[in-house]
């Protein structure tokens, strides 16, 4: 299992709202630190609910499509 800390977040894009688990790597303290890494083009979520109705085990979201992120 990957090391780090799992955090539940809500990601809003123009078309969808995703709620899922985001893995914050051990060398990062905050969700924003991990998401703002320049080398990261996508953020990965697991155990995802899409628009409060669909379920998915995994979703990769292009950072350029994100409008907002909130930690739950």
C-alpha atoms as a PDB file:
ATOM      1  CA  UNK A   1       0.000   0.000   0.000  1.00  0.00           C
ATOM      2  CA  UNK A   2       1.340   3.472  -0.833  1.00  0.00           C
ATOM      3  CA  UNK A   3       2.641   5.558   2.014  1.00  0.00           C
ATOM      4  CA  UNK A   4       0.974   8.835   2.848  1.00  0.00           C
ATOM      5  CA  UNK A   5      -2.247  10.116   4.291  1.00  0.00           C
ATOM      6  CA  UNK A   6      -5.676   9.653   2.701  1.00  0.00           C
ATOM      7  CA  UNK A   7      -7.892  12.743   2.736  1.00  0.00           C
ATOM      8  CA  UNK A   8     -11.506  13.003   1.548  1.00  0.00           C
ATOM      9  CA  UNK A   9     -11.931  15.962  -0.840  1.00  0.00           C
ATOM     10  CA  UNK A  10     -14.569  17.512  -3.116  1.00  0.00           C
ATOM     11  CA  UNK A  11     -13.369  18.618  -6.548  1.00  0.00           C
ATOM     12  CA  UNK A  12     -15.595  20.788  -8.727  1.00  0.00           C
ATOM     13  CA  UNK A  13     -15.116  21.152 -12.450  1.00  0.00           C
ATOM     14  CA  UNK A  14     -17.312  22.927 -14.994  1.00  0.00           C
ATOM     15  CA  UNK A  15     -19.385  19.786 -15.598  1.00  0.00           C
ATOM     16  CA  UNK A  16     -19.015  17.576 -12.507  1.00  0.00           C
ATOM     17  CA  UNK A  17     -18.506  17.358  -8.788  1.00  0.00           C
ATOM     18  CA  UNK A  18     -16.249  14.569  -7.534  1.00  0.00           C
ATOM     19  CA  UNK A  19     -15.956  13.421  -3.933  1.00  0.00           C
ATOM     20  CA  UNK A  20     -13.160  10.975  -3.292  1.00  0.00           C
ATOM     21  CA  UNK A  21     -10.025  10.003  -1.400  1.00  0.00           C
ATOM     22  CA  UNK A  22      -6.803  11.817  -2.294  1.00  0.00           C
ATOM     23  CA  UNK A  23      -3.437  10.467  -1.176  1.00  0.00           C
ATOM     24  CA  UNK A  24      -1.170  13.166   0.290  1.00  0.00           C
ATOM     25  CA  UNK A  25       2.428  11.930  -0.069  1.00  0.00           C
ATOM     26  CA  UNK A  26       4.540  11.664   3.123  1.00  0.00           C
ATOM     27  CA  UNK A  27       6.799  14.561   2.086  1.00  0.00           C
ATOM     28  CA  UNK A  28       3.787  16.935   1.879  1.00  0.00           C
ATOM     29  CA  UNK A  29       1.811  18.268   4.828  1.00  0.00           C
ATOM     30  CA  UNK A  30      -1.269  19.701   3.134  1.00  0.00           C
ATOM     31  CA  UNK A  31      -3.574  18.784   0.260  1.00  0.00           C
ATOM     32  CA  UNK A  32      -2.684  22.068  -1.458  1.00  0.00           C
ATOM     33  CA  UNK A  33       1.051  21.235  -1.297  1.00  0.00           C
ATOM     34  CA  UNK A  34       0.471  17.972  -3.156  1.00  0.00           C
ATOM     35  CA  UNK A  35      -1.979  19.390  -5.703  1.00  0.00           C
ATOM     36  CA  UNK A  36       0.179  22.419  -6.527  1.00  0.00           C
ATOM     37  CA  UNK A  37       3.222  20.354  -7.528  1.00  0.00           C
ATOM     38  CA  UNK A  38       4.139  21.619 -11.007  1.00  0.00           C
ATOM     39  CA  UNK A  39       5.006  18.130 -12.252  1.00  0.00           C
ATOM     40  CA  UNK A  40       1.509  16.864 -11.424  1.00  0.00           C
ATOM     41  CA  UNK A  41      -0.866  17.347 -14.402  1.00  0.00           C
ATOM     42  CA  UNK A  42      -3.685  15.219 -13.005  1.00  0.00           C
ATOM     43  CA  UNK A  43      -4.964  14.503  -9.527  1.00  0.00           C
ATOM     44  CA  UNK A  44      -6.053  10.954  -8.733  1.00  0.00           C
ATOM     45  CA  UNK A  45      -9.041  10.122  -6.566  1.00  0.00           C
ATOM     46  CA  UNK A  46     -10.156   6.710  -5.332  1.00  0.00           C
ATOM     47  CA  UNK A  47     -13.536   5.560  -4.000  1.00  0.00           C
ATOM     48  CA  UNK A  48     -15.215   8.368  -5.963  1.00  0.00           C
ATOM     49  CA  UNK A  49     -18.795   9.621  -6.110  1.00  0.00           C
ATOM     50  CA  UNK A  50     -19.538  11.647  -9.254  1.00  0.00           C
ATOM     51  CA  UNK A  51     -22.373  14.206  -9.135  1.00  0.00           C
ATOM     52  CA  UNK A  52     -23.739  12.538  -5.981  1.00  0.00           C
ATOM     53  CA  UNK A  53     -25.019   9.512  -7.934  1.00  0.00           C
ATOM     54  CA  UNK A  54     -22.374   7.591  -9.909  1.00  0.00           C
ATOM     55  CA  UNK A  55     -19.635   5.558  -8.203  1.00  0.00           C
ATOM     56  CA  UNK A  56     -16.148   4.824  -9.474  1.00  0.00           C
ATOM     57  CA  UNK A  57     -13.106   3.126  -7.965  1.00  0.00           C
ATOM     58  CA  UNK A  58     -10.693   5.600  -9.608  1.00  0.00           C
ATOM     59  CA  UNK A  59     -10.803   8.960 -11.404  1.00  0.00           C
ATOM     60  CA  UNK A  60      -7.943  11.094 -12.753  1.00  0.00           C
ATOM     61  CA  UNK A  61      -8.877  14.772 -13.136  1.00  0.00           C
ATOM     62  CA  UNK A  62      -6.931  17.229 -15.291  1.00  0.00           C
ATOM     63  CA  UNK A  63      -5.858  20.104 -13.028  1.00  0.00           C
ATOM     64  CA  UNK A  64      -6.685  22.628 -15.773  1.00  0.00           C
ATOM     65  CA  UNK A  65     -10.373  21.649 -15.514  1.00  0.00           C
ATOM     66  CA  UNK A  66     -10.658  22.199 -11.738  1.00  0.00           C
ATOM     67  CA  UNK A  67     -12.661  25.159 -10.449  1.00  0.00           C
ATOM     68  CA  UNK A  68     -12.404  24.418  -6.716  1.00  0.00           C
ATOM     69  CA  UNK A  69     -11.226  21.861  -4.170  1.00  0.00           C
ATOM     70  CA  UNK A  70     -12.447  21.482  -0.589  1.00  0.00           C
ATOM     71  CA  UNK A  71     -11.218  19.112   2.093  1.00  0.00           C
ATOM     72  CA  UNK A  72     -14.111  17.329   3.822  1.00  0.00           C
END
